[in-house]
C-alpha atoms as a PDB file:
ATOM      1  CA  GLN A   1      80.498 114.633  93.030  1.00  0.00           C
ATOM      2  CA  VAL A   2      81.553 111.367  94.606  1.00  0.00           C
ATOM      3  CA  ARG A   3      84.370 111.420  97.136  1.00  0.00           C
ATOM      4  CA  VAL A   4      85.685 108.606  99.288  1.00  0.00           C
ATOM      5  CA  VAL A   5      87.998 109.603 102.104  1.00  0.00           C
ATOM      6  CA  GLU A   6      89.938 107.152 104.228  1.00  0.00           C
ATOM      7  CA  SER A   7      91.546 108.006 107.540  1.00  0.00           C
ATOM      8  CA  GLY A   8      93.082 106.314 110.551  1.00  0.00           C
ATOM      9  CA  GLY A   9      96.329 105.035 109.105  1.00  0.00           C
ATOM     10  CA  GLY A  10      99.641 105.536 110.774  1.00  0.00           C
ATOM     11  CA  LEU A  11     102.683 103.915 112.348  1.00  0.00           C
ATOM     12  CA  VAL A  12     102.142 101.217 114.957  1.00  0.00           C
ATOM     13  CA  GLN A  13     104.289  98.574 116.593  1.00  0.00           C
ATOM     14  CA  ALA A  14     103.719  94.899 115.913  1.00  0.00           C
ATOM     15  CA  GLY A  15     100.884  93.617 118.059  1.00  0.00           C
ATOM     16  CA  GLY A  16      99.155  96.972 118.098  1.00  0.00           C
ATOM     17  CA  SER A  17      95.813  98.084 116.690  1.00  0.00           C
ATOM     18  CA  LEU A  18      94.457 100.664 114.296  1.00  0.00           C
ATOM     19  CA  ARG A  19      90.987 101.507 113.104  1.00  0.00           C
ATOM     20  CA  LEU A  20      90.555 102.770 109.573  1.00  0.00           C
ATOM     21  CA  SER A  21      87.539 104.820 108.567  1.00  0.00           C
ATOM     22  CA  CYS A  22      85.985 105.376 105.159  1.00  0.00           C
ATOM     23  CA  ALA A  23      83.542 108.221 104.755  1.00  0.00           C
ATOM     24  CA  PRO A  24      81.959 108.710 101.354  1.00  0.00           C
ATOM     25  CA  SER A  25      80.205 111.836 100.156  1.00  0.00           C
ATOM     26  CA  GLY A  26      77.985 112.278  97.156  1.00  0.00           C
ATOM     27  CA  ILE A  27      76.791 108.702  97.595  1.00  0.00           C
ATOM     28  CA  ILE A  28      73.569 107.506  99.111  1.00  0.00           C
ATOM     29  CA  PHE A  29      74.919 105.165 101.767  1.00  0.00           C
ATOM     30  CA  SER A  30      72.016 102.751 101.462  1.00  0.00           C
ATOM     31  CA  SER A  31      72.708 102.351  97.746  1.00  0.00           C
ATOM     32  CA  ILE A  32      76.080 100.731  98.385  1.00  0.00           C
ATOM     33  CA  ASN A  33      75.928  97.025  97.565  1.00  0.00           C
ATOM     34  CA  ALA A  34      79.341  96.126  98.921  1.00  0.00           C
ATOM     35  CA  MET A  35      81.979  97.886 100.987  1.00  0.00           C
ATOM     36  CA  SER A  36      85.517  96.613 100.870  1.00  0.00           C
ATOM     37  CA  TRP A  37      88.998  97.330 102.054  1.00  0.00           C
ATOM     38  CA  TYR A  38      91.931  96.540  99.811  1.00  0.00           C
ATOM     39  CA  ARG A  39      95.622  96.977 100.427  1.00  0.00           C
ATOM     40  CA  GLN A  40      98.710  97.293  98.308  1.00  0.00           C
ATOM     41  CA  ALA A  41     102.213  96.750  99.589  1.00  0.00           C
ATOM     42  CA  PRO A  42     105.258  98.002  97.659  1.00  0.00           C
ATOM     43  CA  ALA A  43     105.937  95.956  94.522  1.00  0.00           C
ATOM     44  CA  LYS A  44     102.838  93.833  95.147  1.00  0.00           C
ATOM     45  CA  GLN A  45      99.399  93.669  93.597  1.00  0.00           C
ATOM     46  CA  ARG A  46      96.417  95.202  95.315  1.00  0.00           C
ATOM     47  CA  GLU A  47      94.583  92.560  97.312  1.00  0.00           C
ATOM     48  CA  LEU A  48      91.182  92.306  98.919  1.00  0.00           C
ATOM     49  CA  VAL A  49      91.376  92.426 102.703  1.00  0.00           C
ATOM     50  CA  ALA A  50      87.741  92.490 103.798  1.00  0.00           C
ATOM     51  CA  MET A  51      84.283  92.881 102.304  1.00  0.00           C
ATOM     52  CA  LEU A  52      80.888  93.655 103.790  1.00  0.00           C
ATOM     53  CA  THR A  53      77.782  93.317 101.664  1.00  0.00           C
ATOM     54  CA  SER A  54      74.545  95.228 102.078  1.00  0.00           C
ATOM     55  CA  GLY A  55      73.023  91.995 103.342  1.00  0.00           C
ATOM     56  CA  GLY A  56      75.528  91.832 106.169  1.00  0.00           C
ATOM     57  CA  ASN A  57      77.739  89.085 104.791  1.00  0.00           C
ATOM     58  CA  THR A  58      81.462  89.432 105.364  1.00  0.00           C
ATOM     59  CA  ASP A  59      84.520  87.944 103.736  1.00  0.00           C
ATOM     60  CA  TYR A  60      88.140  88.223 104.773  1.00  0.00           C
ATOM     61  CA  ALA A  61      91.507  87.372 103.333  1.00  0.00           C
ATOM     62  CA  ASP A  62      92.916  84.306 105.062  1.00  0.00           C
ATOM     63  CA  SER A  63      95.873  86.340 106.271  1.00  0.00           C
ATOM     64  CA  VAL A  64      93.674  88.669 108.349  1.00  0.00           C
ATOM     65  CA  LYS A  65      90.922  86.354 109.584  1.00  0.00           C
ATOM     66  CA  GLY A  66      90.513  86.607 113.322  1.00  0.00           C
ATOM     67  CA  ARG A  67      92.473  89.869 113.464  1.00  0.00           C
ATOM     68  CA  PHE A  68      90.557  92.338 111.271  1.00  0.00           C
ATOM     69  CA  THR A  69      86.879  93.260 111.413  1.00  0.00           C
ATOM     70  CA  ILE A  70      84.917  95.261 108.844  1.00  0.00           C
ATOM     71  CA  SER A  71      81.811  97.103 109.951  1.00  0.00           C
ATOM     72  CA  ARG A  72      79.549  99.987 109.039  1.00  0.00           C
ATOM     73  CA  ASP A  73      77.763 102.730 110.917  1.00  0.00           C
ATOM     74  CA  ASN A  74      74.746 103.800 108.894  1.00  0.00           C
ATOM     75  CA  ALA A  75      74.088 106.783 111.152  1.00  0.00           C
ATOM     76  CA  LYS A  76      77.554 108.129 110.437  1.00  0.00           C
ATOM     77  CA  ASN A  77      77.745 106.924 106.816  1.00  0.00           C
ATOM     78  CA  THR A  78      81.075 105.369 107.626  1.00  0.00           C
ATOM     79  CA  VAL A  79      82.787 102.057 107.007  1.00  0.00           C
ATOM     80  CA  TYR A  80      85.426 100.833 109.435  1.00  0.00           C
ATOM     81  CA  LEU A  81      88.248  98.347 109.425  1.00  0.00           C
ATOM     82  CA  GLN A  82      89.362  97.403 112.918  1.00  0.00           C
ATOM     83  CA  MET A  83      92.831  95.904 112.756  1.00  0.00           C
ATOM     84  CA  ASN A  84      94.210  94.085 115.783  1.00  0.00           C
ATOM     85  CA  SER A  85      97.389  92.098 116.374  1.00  0.00           C
ATOM     86  CA  LEU A  86      99.059  93.921 113.522  1.00  0.00           C
ATOM     87  CA  LYS A  87     102.124  92.406 111.899  1.00  0.00           C
ATOM     88  CA  PRO A  88     104.877  93.954 109.782  1.00  0.00           C
ATOM     89  CA  VAL A  89     103.450  92.096 106.757  1.00  0.00           C
ATOM     90  CA  ASP A  90     100.288  94.181 107.143  1.00  0.00           C
ATOM     91  CA  THR A  91     102.267  97.259 106.075  1.00  0.00           C
ATOM     92  CA  ALA A  92     100.591  98.694 102.979  1.00  0.00           C
ATOM     93  CA  VAL A  93      98.423 101.449 101.617  1.00  0.00           C
ATOM     94  CA  TYR A  94      94.830 100.608 102.474  1.00  0.00           C
ATOM     95  CA  TYR A  95      92.033 101.591 100.103  1.00  0.00           C
ATOM     96  CA  CYS A  96      88.311 101.775 100.618  1.00  0.00           C
ATOM     97  CA  ASN A  97      86.153 100.516  97.755  1.00  0.00           C
ATOM     98  CA  LEU A  98      82.422 101.068  97.457  1.00  0.00           C
ATOM     99  CA  ARG A  99      80.430  99.190  94.873  1.00  0.00           C
ATOM    100  CA  MET A 100      77.072 100.535  93.807  1.00  0.00           C
ATOM    101  CA  LYS A 101      74.674  99.206  91.179  1.00  0.00           C
ATOM    102  CA  ILE A 102      76.413 100.733  88.176  1.00  0.00           C
ATOM    103  CA  THR A 103      79.614 102.238  89.485  1.00  0.00           C
ATOM    104  CA  THR A 104      82.494 101.737  91.861  1.00  0.00           C
ATOM    105  CA  ALA A 105      84.292 104.349  93.922  1.00  0.00           C
ATOM    106  CA  TRP A 106      87.780 104.243  95.391  1.00  0.00           C
ATOM    107  CA  GLY A 107      89.411 106.331  98.064  1.00  0.00           C
ATOM    108  CA  GLN A 108      92.890 107.787  97.812  1.00  0.00           C
ATOM    109  CA  GLY A 109      94.352 105.363 100.330  1.00  0.00           C
ATOM    110  CA  THR A 110      95.801 105.597 103.802  1.00  0.00           C
ATOM    111  CA  GLN A 111      99.236 104.336 104.764  1.00  0.00           C
ATOM    112  CA  VAL A 112      99.573 101.709 107.486  1.00  0.00           C
ATOM    113  CA  THR A 113     103.078 100.919 108.682  1.00  0.00           C
ATOM    114  CA  VAL A 114     103.744  98.223 111.256  1.00  0.00           C
ATOM    115  CA  SER A 115     107.185  98.178 112.831  1.00  0.00           C
ATOM    116  CA  SER A 116     108.781  95.060 114.264  1.00  0.00           C
END
């Protein structure tokens, strides 16, 4: 059974940092073609924040470039999103998305709240 569990969210003041983690189970980590973080703020559509492909290519939303970094630790089967210089507009539920050859898996989301 596939499970994707995010952690690391919380409440932080503007300018602070958080690191989100995404740990899948029931998935062969090396079979993941792309690992992504999405976010959804209240009354807004879910948006792509960062993506890391199996080839090591990364892509970021313009709004987070230079502040957020996506990475993976193959030994720990974990995907990370390091978020620095957080702003109130970064407040959202953050979701981990893993895309394999024939399926996609989502986590349940972790809340990030940035206070001004």
